[in-house]
Every structure is written in C-alpha cells, then in structure tokens.
C-alpha cells in the first residue's frame, strides 16, 4: 500500500485541495468565521484527505463508491463536530449540505463529459488532464459559492443563536433525512453515469439522462434552499415570541401598578410571590 508517484500527485493536487475546500465550505456555511480559527479548517482538510485516500485501499467491493461516500460522510461529520465546536444537529446539517453540494458539482461535470464528449469510465479515472478539468471546474463552482455566501453572510448560524423548541428540532430532523436521501440518490446517479456505457449511445437515451439529471439538480437545490429558508422561519418565530413576551411583560407591569393604585396589597403580594416562584422553578430565566 505504498504511495506511488501517481498517487502522490493525485493526493496533493486533487484530493487534498478538494477536502480543504469542503472544510472551508462547512466553516463558512456554519457561520464559524468569528469563533473557530482558520487552522482548524486546515487540520480538518488534511485529516479528511488522508482518511479519504487510505479508504480507497480497503477491500469492500462491489459497493466501493457507496461505502467510501458513507465513510466520508461519517468521518467528515465527526471532524467538524469536534473541530468547529458544533451541536449534533449543526454537524449533521453542515456535513450533509457540504457533501450534497460537492457531489452535485462533481456529478454535473461527469454527466457533461459522458453525455457530450463520450468520455469513458476508464478515461475519467486514469486521464490526468480530464481529472484536472473536472477538479478545476468544481473548484471554480465552489469558490464562487463561497464568495457569495461570505459576502452576503449566508449561513446556518441560527442553529447556534436560537434555542430550538421540539417542533423546530423535528422540522430540522426531517430536513436532515431529506438531505441524506438526496445525497444517496446523487451517489447512485453518479455511479450509474460512470459505469453504464450503453445509456449514452442514442439521442433518446441522452435526452432522458439529461432530463433525469436536471430534475435531480432542481430537487437537490430546493433541499439546500430549504436549509436556509427554515432558518428564516425560525428567526421570524423567535421574533414573534419575543414580541408576545414583551407585551405580556408590559401587561403584568400595568396590572401591578393598578393594584398599587387601588391599594390591593394582598393581591399584589400574591402576584409577586407567583413571579418569584416561576423564577425559582426555572420557568422565567433570571439570567436572560
């Protein structure tokens, strides 16, 4: 299992930069720029690249691509969980959105090469120029997305800022399952396009392939959009809660003032004792 010259070039020129981009994408996506140091991003990129490289030598055919992707998903999720100081939900969503985005970018390039240029499976894996073209295209797509997200401050930091209730957690859990399903479908389509040569022979087959992949892209983009959309919904719900709490607070003060004006000190004492009891029981958070 020695590291040959070709493997070394492949590791340092393609695998390592790609895994670093993934770590950087998750860092920006999760809004950890002001909290987690950049050296954590470098560490996660290097470690995930090493894991991904050595995983190729494990004997788990004939489901190699699926198992490698699953291993990458788990390892990358664990790495960002500890490296970026996340909750389990943050790590799951951040990892899934990152891998779905990268798989989608890779899949687009593979389909374009297979459908329009008749590039074979062997050429994709063995030809350095073709692999370089794929990586450069993926690199440019990801960099543009990163710059846009960074400039517009688009992230899912709401998971850290907001104390989610049971309903909100349930929605995000369902969304995580949908993303996992979307990633699974992308991997299956990715494998089908690489392995199967017969489906690219006729114009009708190519049209069906393109139509199927376009539908998959739209579905995947809608899933990714839902991650940010549900954040906006949660933030609006929190604003409504704060407004309702504020109105209730003002009404309570008005009620206490009315009791004082009417010299109903017994009722006033009862209300104050009730508030004190709520604070002691944790219903009202005194530190907030």
C-alpha atoms as a PDB file:
ATOM      1  CA  UNK A   1       0.000   0.000   0.000  1.00  0.00           C
ATOM      2  CA  UNK A   2       2.890   2.275  -0.813  1.00  0.00           C
ATOM      3  CA  UNK A   3       2.376   5.795  -2.076  1.00  0.00           C
ATOM      4  CA  UNK A   4       3.370   5.781  -5.769  1.00  0.00           C
ATOM      5  CA  UNK A   5       4.288   8.896  -7.720  1.00  0.00           C
ATOM      6  CA  UNK A   6       0.872   8.975  -9.429  1.00  0.00           C
ATOM      7  CA  UNK A   7      -0.899   8.521  -6.104  1.00  0.00           C
ATOM      8  CA  UNK A   8       1.232  11.291  -4.563  1.00  0.00           C
ATOM      9  CA  UNK A   9       0.366  13.724  -7.353  1.00  0.00           C
ATOM     10  CA  UNK A  10      -3.306  12.740  -7.132  1.00  0.00           C
ATOM     11  CA  UNK A  11      -3.293  13.252  -3.368  1.00  0.00           C
ATOM     12  CA  UNK A  12      -1.543  16.645  -3.281  1.00  0.00           C
ATOM     13  CA  UNK A  13      -3.013  18.130  -6.469  1.00  0.00           C
ATOM     14  CA  UNK A  14      -6.624  16.907  -6.269  1.00  0.00           C
ATOM     15  CA  UNK A  15      -7.630  15.128  -3.052  1.00  0.00           C
ATOM     16  CA  UNK A  16      -6.021  17.486  -0.522  1.00  0.00           C
ATOM     17  CA  UNK A  17      -7.280  20.755  -2.110  1.00  0.00           C
ATOM     18  CA  UNK A  18     -10.756  19.236  -2.550  1.00  0.00           C
ATOM     19  CA  UNK A  19     -11.030  18.162   1.105  1.00  0.00           C
ATOM     20  CA  UNK A  20      -9.696  21.539   2.230  1.00  0.00           C
ATOM     21  CA  UNK A  21     -12.395  23.222   0.133  1.00  0.00           C
ATOM     22  CA  UNK A  22     -15.002  21.036   1.843  1.00  0.00           C
ATOM     23  CA  UNK A  23     -13.724  22.041   5.288  1.00  0.00           C
ATOM     24  CA  UNK A  24     -13.707  25.708   4.228  1.00  0.00           C
ATOM     25  CA  UNK A  25     -17.231  25.420   2.794  1.00  0.00           C
ATOM     26  CA  UNK A  26     -18.558  23.957   6.058  1.00  0.00           C
ATOM     27  CA  UNK A  27     -16.701  26.652   8.050  1.00  0.00           C
ATOM     28  CA  UNK A  28     -18.438  29.437   6.110  1.00  0.00           C
ATOM     29  CA  UNK A  29     -21.783  27.617   5.903  1.00  0.00           C
ATOM     30  CA  UNK A  30     -21.961  27.139   9.681  1.00  0.00           C
ATOM     31  CA  UNK A  31     -21.001  30.755  10.384  1.00  0.00           C
ATOM     32  CA  UNK A  32     -17.898  29.840  12.412  1.00  0.00           C
ATOM     33  CA  UNK A  33     -15.634  32.551  10.937  1.00  0.00           C
ATOM     34  CA  UNK A  34     -15.576  34.647  14.110  1.00  0.00           C
ATOM     35  CA  UNK A  35     -15.444  31.686  16.525  1.00  0.00           C
ATOM     36  CA  UNK A  36     -13.234  28.920  15.107  1.00  0.00           C
ATOM     37  CA  UNK A  37      -9.667  29.591  13.991  1.00  0.00           C
ATOM     38  CA  UNK A  38      -8.619  29.035  10.386  1.00  0.00           C
ATOM     39  CA  UNK A  39      -6.022  26.467  11.456  1.00  0.00           C
ATOM     40  CA  UNK A  40      -8.900  24.172  12.433  1.00  0.00           C
ATOM     41  CA  UNK A  41     -10.068  24.324   8.812  1.00  0.00           C
ATOM     42  CA  UNK A  42      -6.593  23.329   7.583  1.00  0.00           C
ATOM     43  CA  UNK A  43      -6.396  20.466  10.100  1.00  0.00           C
ATOM     44  CA  UNK A  44      -9.810  19.074   9.124  1.00  0.00           C
ATOM     45  CA  UNK A  45      -8.956  19.337   5.420  1.00  0.00           C
ATOM     46  CA  UNK A  46      -5.682  17.413   5.825  1.00  0.00           C
ATOM     47  CA  UNK A  47      -7.139  14.683   8.074  1.00  0.00           C
ATOM     48  CA  UNK A  48     -10.208  14.122   5.887  1.00  0.00           C
ATOM     49  CA  UNK A  49      -7.964  13.924   2.785  1.00  0.00           C
ATOM     50  CA  UNK A  50      -5.822  11.245   4.460  1.00  0.00           C
ATOM     51  CA  UNK A  51      -8.900   9.260   5.511  1.00  0.00           C
ATOM     52  CA  UNK A  52     -10.377   9.501   2.029  1.00  0.00           C
ATOM     53  CA  UNK A  53      -7.073   8.406   0.454  1.00  0.00           C
ATOM     54  CA  UNK A  54      -6.473   5.342   2.641  1.00  0.00           C
ATOM     55  CA  UNK A  55     -10.151   4.327   2.385  1.00  0.00           C
ATOM     56  CA  UNK A  56      -9.544   3.507  -1.277  1.00  0.00           C
ATOM     57  CA  UNK A  57      -7.354   0.560  -0.274  1.00  0.00           C
ATOM     58  CA  UNK A  58      -9.993  -1.138   1.878  1.00  0.00           C
ATOM     59  CA  UNK A  59     -11.488  -4.337   0.374  1.00  0.00           C
ATOM     60  CA  UNK A  60     -15.210  -3.585   0.137  1.00  0.00           C
ATOM     61  CA  UNK A  61     -16.124  -4.173  -3.486  1.00  0.00           C
ATOM     62  CA  UNK A  62     -18.580  -4.246  -5.259  1.00  0.00           C
ATOM     63  CA  UNK A  63     -20.099  -1.284  -3.354  1.00  0.00           C
ATOM     64  CA  UNK A  64     -16.913   0.722  -3.166  1.00  0.00           C
ATOM     65  CA  UNK A  65     -18.260   4.143  -4.169  1.00  0.00           C
ATOM     66  CA  UNK A  66     -21.259   3.980  -1.829  1.00  0.00           C
ATOM     67  CA  UNK A  67     -19.219   2.776   1.154  1.00  0.00           C
ATOM     68  CA  UNK A  68     -16.440   5.312   0.576  1.00  0.00           C
ATOM     69  CA  UNK A  69     -19.047   8.081   0.420  1.00  0.00           C
ATOM     70  CA  UNK A  70     -20.693   6.810   3.627  1.00  0.00           C
ATOM     71  CA  UNK A  71     -17.309   6.654   5.377  1.00  0.00           C
ATOM     72  CA  UNK A  72     -16.518  10.175   4.188  1.00  0.00           C
ATOM     73  CA  UNK A  73     -19.885  11.417   5.457  1.00  0.00           C
ATOM     74  CA  UNK A  74     -19.380   9.944   8.939  1.00  0.00           C
ATOM     75  CA  UNK A  75     -15.711  10.972   9.294  1.00  0.00           C
ATOM     76  CA  UNK A  76     -16.282  14.493   7.984  1.00  0.00           C
ATOM     77  CA  UNK A  77     -19.270  14.928  10.320  1.00  0.00           C
ATOM     78  CA  UNK A  78     -17.220  13.806  13.330  1.00  0.00           C
ATOM     79  CA  UNK A  79     -14.291  16.048  12.364  1.00  0.00           C
ATOM     80  CA  UNK A  80     -16.368  19.232  12.033  1.00  0.00           C
ATOM     81  CA  UNK A  81     -18.328  18.326  15.194  1.00  0.00           C
ATOM     82  CA  UNK A  82     -15.176  18.481  17.300  1.00  0.00           C
ATOM     83  CA  UNK A  83     -13.124  20.886  15.174  1.00  0.00           C
ATOM     84  CA  UNK A  84     -15.835  23.556  14.851  1.00  0.00           C
ATOM     85  CA  UNK A  85     -17.425  23.005  18.311  1.00  0.00           C
ATOM     86  CA  UNK A  86     -20.873  22.153  16.977  1.00  0.00           C
ATOM     87  CA  UNK A  87     -24.020  20.517  18.253  1.00  0.00           C
ATOM     88  CA  UNK A  88     -25.052  17.172  16.744  1.00  0.00           C
ATOM     89  CA  UNK A  89     -27.756  18.871  14.650  1.00  0.00           C
ATOM     90  CA  UNK A  90     -25.323  21.516  13.370  1.00  0.00           C
ATOM     91  CA  UNK A  91     -22.747  18.870  12.438  1.00  0.00           C
ATOM     92  CA  UNK A  92     -25.346  16.719  10.657  1.00  0.00           C
ATOM     93  CA  UNK A  93     -26.817  19.567   8.596  1.00  0.00           C
ATOM     94  CA  UNK A  94     -23.437  21.170   7.872  1.00  0.00           C
ATOM     95  CA  UNK A  95     -21.918  17.863   6.773  1.00  0.00           C
ATOM     96  CA  UNK A  96     -24.893  16.879   4.606  1.00  0.00           C
ATOM     97  CA  UNK A  97     -25.213  20.259   2.860  1.00  0.00           C
ATOM     98  CA  UNK A  98     -21.455  20.281   2.175  1.00  0.00           C
ATOM     99  CA  UNK A  99     -21.327  16.744   0.744  1.00  0.00           C
ATOM    100  CA  UNK A 100     -24.523  17.227  -1.279  1.00  0.00           C
ATOM    101  CA  UNK A 101     -23.122  20.441  -2.785  1.00  0.00           C
ATOM    102  CA  UNK A 102     -19.792  18.844  -3.714  1.00  0.00           C
ATOM    103  CA  UNK A 103     -21.394  15.659  -5.059  1.00  0.00           C
ATOM    104  CA  UNK A 104     -23.713  17.788  -7.170  1.00  0.00           C
ATOM    105  CA  UNK A 105     -20.780  19.792  -8.581  1.00  0.00           C
ATOM    106  CA  UNK A 106     -18.874  16.585  -9.395  1.00  0.00           C
ATOM    107  CA  UNK A 107     -21.953  14.954 -10.896  1.00  0.00           C
ATOM    108  CA  UNK A 108     -22.559  17.874 -13.242  1.00  0.00           C
ATOM    109  CA  UNK A 109     -19.032  17.556 -14.633  1.00  0.00           C
ATOM    110  CA  UNK A 110     -19.265  13.775 -15.024  1.00  0.00           C
ATOM    111  CA  UNK A 111     -22.581  13.968 -16.882  1.00  0.00           C
ATOM    112  CA  UNK A 112     -21.308  16.708 -19.187  1.00  0.00           C
ATOM    113  CA  UNK A 113     -18.208  14.664 -20.019  1.00  0.00           C
ATOM    114  CA  UNK A 114     -20.104  11.402 -20.508  1.00  0.00           C
ATOM    115  CA  UNK A 115     -23.042  12.776 -22.492  1.00  0.00           C
ATOM    116  CA  UNK A 116     -21.459  15.425 -24.705  1.00  0.00           C
ATOM    117  CA  UNK A 117     -17.845  14.251 -25.057  1.00  0.00           C
ATOM    118  CA  UNK A 118     -18.277  10.444 -24.884  1.00  0.00           C
ATOM    119  CA  UNK A 119     -15.597  10.176 -22.216  1.00  0.00           C
ATOM    120  CA  UNK A 120     -15.399   6.635 -20.852  1.00  0.00           C
ATOM    121  CA  UNK A 121     -15.194   5.499 -17.243  1.00  0.00           C
ATOM    122  CA  UNK A 122     -11.558   4.475 -17.701  1.00  0.00           C
ATOM    123  CA  UNK A 123     -10.636   7.899 -19.078  1.00  0.00           C
ATOM    124  CA  UNK A 124     -12.297   9.677 -16.141  1.00  0.00           C
ATOM    125  CA  UNK A 125     -10.279   7.693 -13.602  1.00  0.00           C
ATOM    126  CA  UNK A 126      -6.982   7.346 -15.475  1.00  0.00           C
ATOM    127  CA  UNK A 127      -6.579  10.501 -17.554  1.00  0.00           C
ATOM    128  CA  UNK A 128      -4.811  13.257 -15.619  1.00  0.00           C
ATOM    129  CA  UNK A 129      -5.981  16.075 -17.961  1.00  0.00           C
ATOM    130  CA  UNK A 130      -9.643  15.008 -17.687  1.00  0.00           C
ATOM    131  CA  UNK A 131      -9.443  14.749 -13.911  1.00  0.00           C
ATOM    132  CA  UNK A 132      -7.720  18.141 -13.798  1.00  0.00           C
ATOM    133  CA  UNK A 133     -10.524  19.692 -15.887  1.00  0.00           C
ATOM    134  CA  UNK A 134     -13.136  18.185 -13.545  1.00  0.00           C
ATOM    135  CA  UNK A 135     -11.354  19.482 -10.455  1.00  0.00           C
ATOM    136  CA  UNK A 136     -10.798  22.985 -11.885  1.00  0.00           C
ATOM    137  CA  UNK A 137     -14.489  23.249 -12.807  1.00  0.00           C
ATOM    138  CA  UNK A 138     -15.536  22.007  -9.357  1.00  0.00           C
ATOM    139  CA  UNK A 139     -13.037  24.393  -7.738  1.00  0.00           C
ATOM    140  CA  UNK A 140     -14.444  27.401  -9.614  1.00  0.00           C
ATOM    141  CA  UNK A 141     -18.067  26.476  -8.785  1.00  0.00           C
ATOM    142  CA  UNK A 142     -17.280  26.100  -5.068  1.00  0.00           C
ATOM    143  CA  UNK A 143     -15.176  29.271  -4.899  1.00  0.00           C
ATOM    144  CA  UNK A 144     -17.981  31.316  -6.468  1.00  0.00           C
ATOM    145  CA  UNK A 145     -20.463  29.849  -3.989  1.00  0.00           C
ATOM    146  CA  UNK A 146     -18.102  30.548  -1.066  1.00  0.00           C
ATOM    147  CA  UNK A 147     -17.501  34.163  -2.094  1.00  0.00           C
ATOM    148  CA  UNK A 148     -21.244  34.725  -2.481  1.00  0.00           C
ATOM    149  CA  UNK A 149     -22.021  33.141   0.912  1.00  0.00           C
ATOM    150  CA  UNK A 150     -19.224  35.092   2.616  1.00  0.00           C
ATOM    151  CA  UNK A 151     -20.177  38.451   1.103  1.00  0.00           C
ATOM    152  CA  UNK A 152     -23.908  38.040   1.756  1.00  0.00           C
ATOM    153  CA  UNK A 153     -23.321  36.463   5.187  1.00  0.00           C
ATOM    154  CA  UNK A 154     -25.406  33.429   4.200  1.00  0.00           C
ATOM    155  CA  UNK A 155     -25.060  30.693   6.801  1.00  0.00           C
ATOM    156  CA  UNK A 156     -26.984  28.471   9.220  1.00  0.00           C
ATOM    157  CA  UNK A 157     -25.649  30.056  12.408  1.00  0.00           C
ATOM    158  CA  UNK A 158     -29.274  30.327  13.581  1.00  0.00           C
ATOM    159  CA  UNK A 159     -28.838  26.788  14.942  1.00  0.00           C
ATOM    160  CA  UNK A 160     -26.380  28.182  17.497  1.00  0.00           C
ATOM    161  CA  UNK A 161     -28.090  31.509  18.189  1.00  0.00           C
ATOM    162  CA  UNK A 162     -31.582  30.141  18.724  1.00  0.00           C
ATOM    163  CA  UNK A 163     -32.892  27.849  21.431  1.00  0.00           C
ATOM    164  CA  UNK A 164     -34.924  25.465  19.286  1.00  0.00           C
ATOM    165  CA  UNK A 165     -38.174  24.005  20.589  1.00  0.00           C
ATOM    166  CA  UNK A 166     -39.366  20.450  19.935  1.00  0.00           C
ATOM    167  CA  UNK A 167     -41.314  21.378  16.803  1.00  0.00           C
ATOM    168  CA  UNK A 168     -38.367  23.227  15.249  1.00  0.00           C
ATOM    169  CA  UNK A 169     -35.984  20.360  16.011  1.00  0.00           C
ATOM    170  CA  UNK A 170     -38.429  17.948  14.410  1.00  0.00           C
ATOM    171  CA  UNK A 171     -38.534  20.044  11.226  1.00  0.00           C
ATOM    172  CA  UNK A 172     -34.744  20.168  11.042  1.00  0.00           C
ATOM    173  CA  UNK A 173     -34.525  16.435  11.690  1.00  0.00           C
ATOM    174  CA  UNK A 174     -36.860  15.725   8.762  1.00  0.00           C
ATOM    175  CA  UNK A 175     -34.793  18.101   6.613  1.00  0.00           C
ATOM    176  CA  UNK A 176     -31.596  16.215   7.561  1.00  0.00           C
ATOM    177  CA  UNK A 177     -33.235  12.925   6.484  1.00  0.00           C
ATOM    178  CA  UNK A 178     -34.268  14.517   3.172  1.00  0.00           C
ATOM    179  CA  UNK A 179     -30.707  15.712   2.598  1.00  0.00           C
ATOM    180  CA  UNK A 180     -29.355  12.237   3.376  1.00  0.00           C
ATOM    181  CA  UNK A 181     -31.827  10.756   0.873  1.00  0.00           C
ATOM    182  CA  UNK A 182     -30.836  13.383  -1.712  1.00  0.00           C
ATOM    183  CA  UNK A 183     -27.149  12.537  -1.206  1.00  0.00           C
ATOM    184  CA  UNK A 184     -27.902   8.825  -1.634  1.00  0.00           C
ATOM    185  CA  UNK A 185     -29.777   9.474  -4.896  1.00  0.00           C
ATOM    186  CA  UNK A 186     -26.951  11.680  -6.201  1.00  0.00           C
ATOM    187  CA  UNK A 187     -24.375   8.971  -5.472  1.00  0.00           C
ATOM    188  CA  UNK A 188     -26.478   6.309  -7.229  1.00  0.00           C
ATOM    189  CA  UNK A 189     -26.932   8.522 -10.300  1.00  0.00           C
ATOM    190  CA  UNK A 190     -23.241   9.426 -10.216  1.00  0.00           C
ATOM    191  CA  UNK A 191     -22.303   5.713 -10.210  1.00  0.00           C
ATOM    192  CA  UNK A 192     -24.800   4.908 -12.981  1.00  0.00           C
ATOM    193  CA  UNK A 193     -23.419   7.587 -15.266  1.00  0.00           C
ATOM    194  CA  UNK A 194     -19.830   6.471 -14.706  1.00  0.00           C
ATOM    195  CA  UNK A 195     -20.300   2.708 -15.035  1.00  0.00           C
ATOM    196  CA  UNK A 196     -23.027   2.305 -17.669  1.00  0.00           C
ATOM    197  CA  UNK A 197     -21.841   2.912 -21.236  1.00  0.00           C
ATOM    198  CA  UNK A 198     -24.960   1.707 -23.076  1.00  0.00           C
ATOM    199  CA  UNK A 199     -27.260   4.540 -21.987  1.00  0.00           C
ATOM    200  CA  UNK A 200     -25.248   7.124 -23.936  1.00  0.00           C
ATOM    201  CA  UNK A 201     -25.476   5.500 -27.382  1.00  0.00           C
ATOM    202  CA  UNK A 202     -28.718   7.006 -28.756  1.00  0.00           C
ATOM    203  CA  UNK A 203     -30.077  10.541 -28.740  1.00  0.00           C
ATOM    204  CA  UNK A 204     -33.208   9.447 -26.844  1.00  0.00           C
ATOM    205  CA  UNK A 205     -31.105   7.887 -24.095  1.00  0.00           C
ATOM    206  CA  UNK A 206     -29.006  11.016 -23.773  1.00  0.00           C
ATOM    207  CA  UNK A 207     -32.119  13.197 -23.611  1.00  0.00           C
ATOM    208  CA  UNK A 208     -33.574  11.022 -20.831  1.00  0.00           C
ATOM    209  CA  UNK A 209     -30.288  11.117 -18.933  1.00  0.00           C
ATOM    210  CA  UNK A 210     -30.088  14.899 -19.172  1.00  0.00           C
ATOM    211  CA  UNK A 211     -33.753  15.310 -18.159  1.00  0.00           C
ATOM    212  CA  UNK A 212     -33.315  12.971 -15.181  1.00  0.00           C
ATOM    213  CA  UNK A 213     -30.211  14.753 -14.010  1.00  0.00           C
ATOM    214  CA  UNK A 214     -31.764  18.212 -14.402  1.00  0.00           C
ATOM    215  CA  UNK A 215     -34.717  17.095 -12.252  1.00  0.00           C
ATOM    216  CA  UNK A 216     -32.271  15.746  -9.656  1.00  0.00           C
ATOM    217  CA  UNK A 217     -30.347  19.036  -9.656  1.00  0.00           C
ATOM    218  CA  UNK A 218     -33.543  21.037  -9.126  1.00  0.00           C
ATOM    219  CA  UNK A 219     -34.653  18.716  -6.312  1.00  0.00           C
ATOM    220  CA  UNK A 220     -31.229  18.978  -4.634  1.00  0.00           C
ATOM    221  CA  UNK A 221     -31.081  22.755  -4.914  1.00  0.00           C
ATOM    222  CA  UNK A 222     -34.557  23.020  -3.397  1.00  0.00           C
ATOM    223  CA  UNK A 223     -33.380  20.873  -0.464  1.00  0.00           C
ATOM    224  CA  UNK A 224     -30.345  23.104   0.105  1.00  0.00           C
ATOM    225  CA  UNK A 225     -32.547  26.191  -0.162  1.00  0.00           C
ATOM    226  CA  UNK A 226     -34.848  24.699   2.487  1.00  0.00           C
ATOM    227  CA  UNK A 227     -31.973  24.670   4.977  1.00  0.00           C
ATOM    228  CA  UNK A 228     -31.679  28.452   4.745  1.00  0.00           C
ATOM    229  CA  UNK A 229     -35.439  29.010   4.376  1.00  0.00           C
ATOM    230  CA  UNK A 230     -36.253  27.161   7.591  1.00  0.00           C
ATOM    231  CA  UNK A 231     -33.691  29.366   9.337  1.00  0.00           C
ATOM    232  CA  UNK A 232     -35.615  32.450   8.247  1.00  0.00           C
ATOM    233  CA  UNK A 233     -38.844  30.831   9.508  1.00  0.00           C
ATOM    234  CA  UNK A 234     -37.302  30.012  12.894  1.00  0.00           C
ATOM    235  CA  UNK A 235     -35.960  33.552  13.275  1.00  0.00           C
ATOM    236  CA  UNK A 236     -39.400  35.006  12.484  1.00  0.00           C
ATOM    237  CA  UNK A 237     -40.981  32.662  15.031  1.00  0.00           C
ATOM    238  CA  UNK A 238     -38.467  33.814  17.636  1.00  0.00           C
ATOM    239  CA  UNK A 239     -39.270  37.464  16.884  1.00  0.00           C
ATOM    240  CA  UNK A 240     -42.984  36.766  17.358  1.00  0.00           C
ATOM    241  CA  UNK A 241     -42.242  35.005  20.665  1.00  0.00           C
ATOM    242  CA  UNK A 242     -40.168  37.957  21.887  1.00  0.00           C
ATOM    243  CA  UNK A 243     -42.932  40.393  20.915  1.00  0.00           C
ATOM    244  CA  UNK A 244     -45.517  38.306  22.762  1.00  0.00           C
ATOM    245  CA  UNK A 245     -43.247  38.046  25.814  1.00  0.00           C
ATOM    246  CA  UNK A 246     -42.713  41.806  25.719  1.00  0.00           C
ATOM    247  CA  UNK A 247     -46.439  42.535  25.559  1.00  0.00           C
ATOM    248  CA  UNK A 248     -47.072  40.103  28.425  1.00  0.00           C
ATOM    249  CA  UNK A 249     -44.331  41.774  30.477  1.00  0.00           C
ATOM    250  CA  UNK A 250     -45.837  45.239  29.908  1.00  0.00           C
ATOM    251  CA  UNK A 251     -49.325  43.948  30.787  1.00  0.00           C
ATOM    252  CA  UNK A 252     -48.008  42.469  34.031  1.00  0.00           C
ATOM    253  CA  UNK A 253     -46.379  45.784  34.983  1.00  0.00           C
ATOM    254  CA  UNK A 254     -49.621  47.647  34.211  1.00  0.00           C
ATOM    255  CA  UNK A 255     -51.528  45.156  36.360  1.00  0.00           C
ATOM    256  CA  UNK A 256     -49.090  45.602  39.286  1.00  0.00           C
ATOM    257  CA  UNK A 257     -49.357  49.398  39.004  1.00  0.00           C
ATOM    258  CA  UNK A 258     -53.165  49.142  39.031  1.00  0.00           C
ATOM    259  CA  UNK A 259     -53.034  47.002  42.190  1.00  0.00           C
ATOM    260  CA  UNK A 260     -50.811  49.595  43.883  1.00  0.00           C
ATOM    261  CA  UNK A 261     -53.125  52.445  42.841  1.00  0.00           C
ATOM    262  CA  UNK A 262     -56.119  50.554  44.219  1.00  0.00           C
ATOM    263  CA  UNK A 263     -54.134  49.592  47.372  1.00  0.00           C
ATOM    264  CA  UNK A 264     -54.874  45.897  46.874  1.00  0.00           C
ATOM    265  CA  UNK A 265     -51.664  44.854  48.602  1.00  0.00           C
ATOM    266  CA  UNK A 266     -52.809  41.297  49.290  1.00  0.00           C
ATOM    267  CA  UNK A 267     -53.302  40.583  45.578  1.00  0.00           C
ATOM    268  CA  UNK A 268     -50.074  42.439  44.803  1.00  0.00           C
ATOM    269  CA  UNK A 269     -48.167  40.206  47.232  1.00  0.00           C
ATOM    270  CA  UNK A 270     -49.733  37.081  45.705  1.00  0.00           C
ATOM    271  CA  UNK A 271     -48.705  38.086  42.155  1.00  0.00           C
ATOM    272  CA  UNK A 272     -45.145  38.922  43.230  1.00  0.00           C
ATOM    273  CA  UNK A 273     -44.827  35.614  45.073  1.00  0.00           C
ATOM    274  CA  UNK A 274     -46.080  33.820  41.944  1.00  0.00           C
ATOM    275  CA  UNK A 275     -43.409  35.555  39.836  1.00  0.00           C
ATOM    276  CA  UNK A 276     -40.753  34.644  42.409  1.00  0.00           C
ATOM    277  CA  UNK A 277     -41.859  31.010  42.310  1.00  0.00           C
ATOM    278  CA  UNK A 278     -41.639  30.961  38.492  1.00  0.00           C
ATOM    279  CA  UNK A 279     -38.065  32.271  38.709  1.00  0.00           C
ATOM    280  CA  UNK A 280     -37.082  29.690  41.325  1.00  0.00           C
ATOM    281  CA  UNK A 281     -38.586  26.859  39.244  1.00  0.00           C
ATOM    282  CA  UNK A 282     -36.758  27.991  36.119  1.00  0.00           C
ATOM    283  CA  UNK A 283     -39.868  28.953  34.167  1.00  0.00           C
ATOM    284  CA  UNK A 284     -38.505  32.502  33.939  1.00  0.00           C
ATOM    285  CA  UNK A 285     -34.758  32.657  33.287  1.00  0.00           C
ATOM    286  CA  UNK A 286     -33.412  35.372  35.562  1.00  0.00           C
ATOM    287  CA  UNK A 287     -30.051  35.488  33.719  1.00  0.00           C
ATOM    288  CA  UNK A 288     -31.849  36.428  30.481  1.00  0.00           C
END
